[in-house]
Amino acid sequence: MEEYKTSIFEYDSIREAIAYSEQRAMEKGWQEGRQEGRQETRLETAQRCLQQGLSIEFITSITGLDIEQIKNMSGTLESADK
């Protein structure tokens, strides 16, 4: 009888650990997804600003992107326009 109680306790402990791990993994996935979405929005905003002819410095200040990222985007847009 004692072995049975120990087995049930171990089973419950393992089940709780798995549930906890699954929950943490889902939360991490959601957080990473939100971060990727924010980054995508920043890039799209920068691209629209470049198309409107706004300065790289201004775009950096409103998007938080690095100057190099925006310069690369600017070069890509110029190549696409030709």
N, C-alpha and C. Protein backbone atom coordinates (compact mmCIF):
# COMPACT_ATOMS: atom_id res chain seq x y z
N MET A 1 0.83 -1.20 0.00
CA MET A 1 0.00 0.00 0.00
C MET A 1 0.87 1.26 0.00
N GLU A 2 1.94 1.23 0.76
CA GLU A 2 2.83 2.38 0.84
C GLU A 2 3.49 2.67 -0.52
N GLU A 3 3.85 1.60 -1.23
CA GLU A 3 4.46 1.77 -2.56
C GLU A 3 3.47 2.44 -3.51
N TYR A 4 2.22 2.06 -3.40
CA TYR A 4 1.17 2.65 -4.24
C TYR A 4 1.05 4.15 -3.99
N LYS A 5 1.03 4.56 -2.73
CA LYS A 5 0.94 5.98 -2.39
C LYS A 5 2.16 6.74 -2.91
N THR A 6 3.33 6.12 -2.80
CA THR A 6 4.56 6.76 -3.29
C THR A 6 4.51 6.91 -4.80
N SER A 7 4.02 5.89 -5.48
CA SER A 7 3.91 5.94 -6.94
C SER A 7 2.95 7.03 -7.39
N ILE A 8 1.83 7.15 -6.72
CA ILE A 8 0.86 8.19 -7.06
C ILE A 8 1.46 9.58 -6.81
N PHE A 9 2.15 9.72 -5.69
CA PHE A 9 2.78 11.00 -5.39
C PHE A 9 3.81 11.35 -6.46
N GLU A 10 4.65 10.39 -6.87
CA GLU A 10 5.65 10.63 -7.92
C GLU A 10 4.98 10.97 -9.24
N TYR A 11 3.92 10.24 -9.57
CA TYR A 11 3.18 10.51 -10.80
C TYR A 11 2.62 11.93 -10.80
N ASP A 12 2.00 12.32 -9.71
CA ASP A 12 1.44 13.67 -9.61
C ASP A 12 2.54 14.74 -9.72
N SER A 13 3.68 14.47 -9.10
CA SER A 13 4.79 15.43 -9.16
C SER A 13 5.29 15.58 -10.59
N ILE A 14 5.41 14.47 -11.28
CA ILE A 14 5.87 14.52 -12.68
C ILE A 14 4.84 15.23 -13.55
N ARG A 15 3.57 14.91 -13.34
CA ARG A 15 2.51 15.55 -14.12
C ARG A 15 2.50 17.07 -13.90
N GLU A 16 2.68 17.51 -12.66
CA GLU A 16 2.73 18.94 -12.36
C GLU A 16 3.95 19.60 -13.00
N ALA A 17 5.08 18.91 -12.99
CA ALA A 17 6.29 19.45 -13.61
C ALA A 17 6.11 19.60 -15.12
N ILE A 18 5.47 18.63 -15.74
CA ILE A 18 5.22 18.70 -17.19
C ILE A 18 4.26 19.85 -17.50
N ALA A 19 3.20 19.97 -16.73
CA ALA A 19 2.23 21.06 -16.95
C ALA A 19 2.90 22.42 -16.80
N TYR A 20 3.73 22.54 -15.78
CA TYR A 20 4.45 23.80 -15.55
C TYR A 20 5.37 24.10 -16.73
N SER A 21 6.11 23.09 -17.20
CA SER A 21 7.03 23.28 -18.33
C SER A 21 6.28 23.67 -19.59
N GLU A 22 5.15 23.04 -19.83
CA GLU A 22 4.34 23.38 -21.00
C GLU A 22 3.85 24.83 -20.93
N GLN A 23 3.39 25.24 -19.75
CA GLN A 23 2.91 26.61 -19.58
C GLN A 23 4.03 27.62 -19.83
N ARG A 24 5.21 27.35 -19.27
CA ARG A 24 6.37 28.25 -19.46
C ARG A 24 6.75 28.32 -20.93
N ALA A 25 6.71 27.20 -21.63
CA ALA A 25 7.06 27.18 -23.04
C ALA A 25 6.07 28.00 -23.86
N MET A 26 4.79 27.87 -23.55
CA MET A 26 3.78 28.65 -24.27
C MET A 26 3.96 30.15 -24.00
N GLU A 27 4.20 30.52 -22.75
CA GLU A 27 4.41 31.92 -22.43
C GLU A 27 5.62 32.48 -23.15
N LYS A 28 6.69 31.70 -23.21
CA LYS A 28 7.90 32.15 -23.91
C LYS A 28 7.61 32.32 -25.40
N GLY A 29 6.86 31.39 -25.97
CA GLY A 29 6.49 31.50 -27.39
C GLY A 29 5.67 32.74 -27.67
N TRP A 30 4.71 33.02 -26.79
CA TRP A 30 3.90 34.22 -26.97
C TRP A 30 4.75 35.48 -26.88
N GLN A 31 5.64 35.50 -25.92
CA GLN A 31 6.50 36.67 -25.74
C GLN A 31 7.40 36.87 -26.97
N GLU A 32 7.98 35.80 -27.46
CA GLU A 32 8.84 35.91 -28.64
C GLU A 32 8.03 36.36 -29.85
N GLY A 33 6.81 35.87 -29.97
CA GLY A 33 5.94 36.27 -31.07
C GLY A 33 5.61 37.75 -31.02
N ARG A 34 5.34 38.25 -29.82
CA ARG A 34 5.05 39.69 -29.68
C ARG A 34 6.27 40.53 -30.03
N GLN A 35 7.45 40.07 -29.60
CA GLN A 35 8.68 40.81 -29.92
C GLN A 35 8.93 40.83 -31.42
N GLU A 36 8.72 39.70 -32.07
CA GLU A 36 8.90 39.65 -33.52
C GLU A 36 7.90 40.57 -34.22
N GLY A 37 6.68 40.61 -33.72
CA GLY A 37 5.66 41.48 -34.30
C GLY A 37 6.03 42.96 -34.14
N ARG A 38 6.57 43.32 -32.99
CA ARG A 38 6.99 44.71 -32.78
C ARG A 38 8.13 45.08 -33.73
N GLN A 39 9.08 44.16 -33.88
CA GLN A 39 10.21 44.43 -34.77
C GLN A 39 9.72 44.58 -36.21
N GLU A 40 8.80 43.73 -36.61
CA GLU A 40 8.25 43.81 -37.97
C GLU A 40 7.55 45.15 -38.17
N THR A 41 6.82 45.60 -37.18
CA THR A 41 6.13 46.90 -37.27
C THR A 41 7.15 48.03 -37.40
N ARG A 42 8.23 47.97 -36.63
CA ARG A 42 9.27 49.00 -36.73
C ARG A 42 9.87 49.04 -38.13
N LEU A 43 10.14 47.87 -38.68
CA LEU A 43 10.72 47.80 -40.03
C LEU A 43 9.76 48.35 -41.08
N GLU A 44 8.50 47.99 -40.96
CA GLU A 44 7.49 48.50 -41.90
C GLU A 44 7.36 50.02 -41.79
N THR A 45 7.37 50.53 -40.57
CA THR A 45 7.29 51.97 -40.36
C THR A 45 8.49 52.66 -40.98
N ALA A 46 9.67 52.11 -40.76
CA ALA A 46 10.89 52.70 -41.33
C ALA A 46 10.82 52.70 -42.85
N GLN A 47 10.34 51.63 -43.42
CA GLN A 47 10.24 51.54 -44.88
C GLN A 47 9.29 52.61 -45.42
N ARG A 48 8.16 52.79 -44.76
CA ARG A 48 7.21 53.83 -45.21
C ARG A 48 7.81 55.22 -45.07
N CYS A 49 8.54 55.44 -43.98
CA CYS A 49 9.18 56.74 -43.77
C CYS A 49 10.22 57.01 -44.85
N LEU A 50 11.00 55.99 -45.19
CA LEU A 50 11.99 56.15 -46.25
C LEU A 50 11.32 56.48 -47.58
N GLN A 51 10.22 55.82 -47.86
CA GLN A 51 9.48 56.09 -49.10
C GLN A 51 8.95 57.52 -49.14
N GLN A 52 8.70 58.08 -47.96
CA GLN A 52 8.23 59.46 -47.89
C GLN A 52 9.37 60.46 -47.90
N GLY A 53 10.60 59.96 -47.89
CA GLY A 53 11.76 60.84 -47.97
C GLY A 53 12.22 61.41 -46.64
N LEU A 54 11.80 60.82 -45.54
CA LEU A 54 12.21 61.31 -44.23
C LEU A 54 13.67 60.94 -43.97
N SER A 55 14.33 61.72 -43.14
CA SER A 55 15.76 61.48 -42.88
C SER A 55 15.97 60.21 -42.04
N ILE A 56 17.12 59.61 -42.26
CA ILE A 56 17.47 58.40 -41.52
C ILE A 56 17.53 58.68 -40.02
N GLU A 57 18.04 59.83 -39.65
CA GLU A 57 18.13 60.19 -38.23
C GLU A 57 16.74 60.28 -37.60
N PHE A 58 15.80 60.88 -38.33
CA PHE A 58 14.44 61.00 -37.83
C PHE A 58 13.81 59.62 -37.69
N ILE A 59 14.01 58.78 -38.70
CA ILE A 59 13.44 57.43 -38.68
C ILE A 59 14.00 56.63 -37.50
N THR A 60 15.29 56.79 -37.24
CA THR A 60 15.92 56.12 -36.11
C THR A 60 15.27 56.57 -34.80
N SER A 61 15.00 57.85 -34.70
CA SER A 61 14.43 58.36 -33.45
C SER A 61 13.01 57.87 -33.21
N ILE A 62 12.23 57.65 -34.26
CA ILE A 62 10.86 57.22 -34.03
C ILE A 62 10.69 55.71 -34.00
N THR A 63 11.60 54.97 -34.63
CA THR A 63 11.46 53.51 -34.65
C THR A 63 12.35 52.79 -33.65
N GLY A 64 13.45 53.44 -33.25
CA GLY A 64 14.39 52.78 -32.36
C GLY A 64 15.33 51.82 -33.08
N LEU A 65 15.25 51.79 -34.41
CA LEU A 65 16.14 50.92 -35.19
C LEU A 65 17.52 51.56 -35.29
N ASP A 66 18.53 50.72 -35.53
CA ASP A 66 19.89 51.21 -35.73
C ASP A 66 20.00 51.96 -37.06
N ILE A 67 20.89 52.93 -37.09
CA ILE A 67 21.11 53.69 -38.33
C ILE A 67 21.51 52.74 -39.46
N GLU A 68 22.35 51.75 -39.16
CA GLU A 68 22.81 50.81 -40.19
C GLU A 68 21.64 50.03 -40.79
N GLN A 69 20.70 49.62 -39.96
CA GLN A 69 19.53 48.89 -40.47
C GLN A 69 18.76 49.76 -41.45
N ILE A 70 18.59 51.01 -41.11
CA ILE A 70 17.82 51.90 -41.96
C ILE A 70 18.59 52.22 -43.24
N LYS A 71 19.90 52.40 -43.12
CA LYS A 71 20.71 52.63 -44.32
C LYS A 71 20.62 51.44 -45.26
N ASN A 72 20.65 50.24 -44.71
CA ASN A 72 20.51 49.04 -45.54
C ASN A 72 19.16 49.01 -46.23
N MET A 73 18.13 49.38 -45.51
CA MET A 73 16.79 49.43 -46.10
C MET A 73 16.74 50.49 -47.18
N SER A 74 17.39 51.61 -46.93
CA SER A 74 17.41 52.70 -47.90
C SER A 74 18.08 52.24 -49.19
N GLY A 75 19.19 51.53 -49.06
CA GLY A 75 19.88 51.01 -50.23
C GLY A 75 19.05 50.01 -51.00
N THR A 76 18.30 49.18 -50.27
CA THR A 76 17.44 48.19 -50.89
C THR A 76 16.31 48.88 -51.64
N LEU A 77 15.74 49.91 -51.06
CA LEU A 77 14.67 50.65 -51.73
C LEU A 77 15.18 51.33 -52.99
N GLU A 78 16.36 51.93 -52.91
CA GLU A 78 16.92 52.61 -54.07
C GLU A 78 17.19 51.61 -55.20
N SER A 79 17.65 50.43 -54.88
CA SER A 79 17.91 49.40 -55.88
C SER A 79 16.61 48.94 -56.52
N ALA A 80 15.56 48.84 -55.73
CA ALA A 80 14.27 48.39 -56.23
C ALA A 80 13.62 49.43 -57.15
N ASP A 81 13.92 50.71 -56.89
CA ASP A 81 13.34 51.78 -57.70
C ASP A 81 13.96 51.86 -59.09
N LYS A 82 15.18 51.35 -59.25
CA LYS A 82 15.89 51.47 -60.53
C LYS A 82 15.44 50.44 -61.52
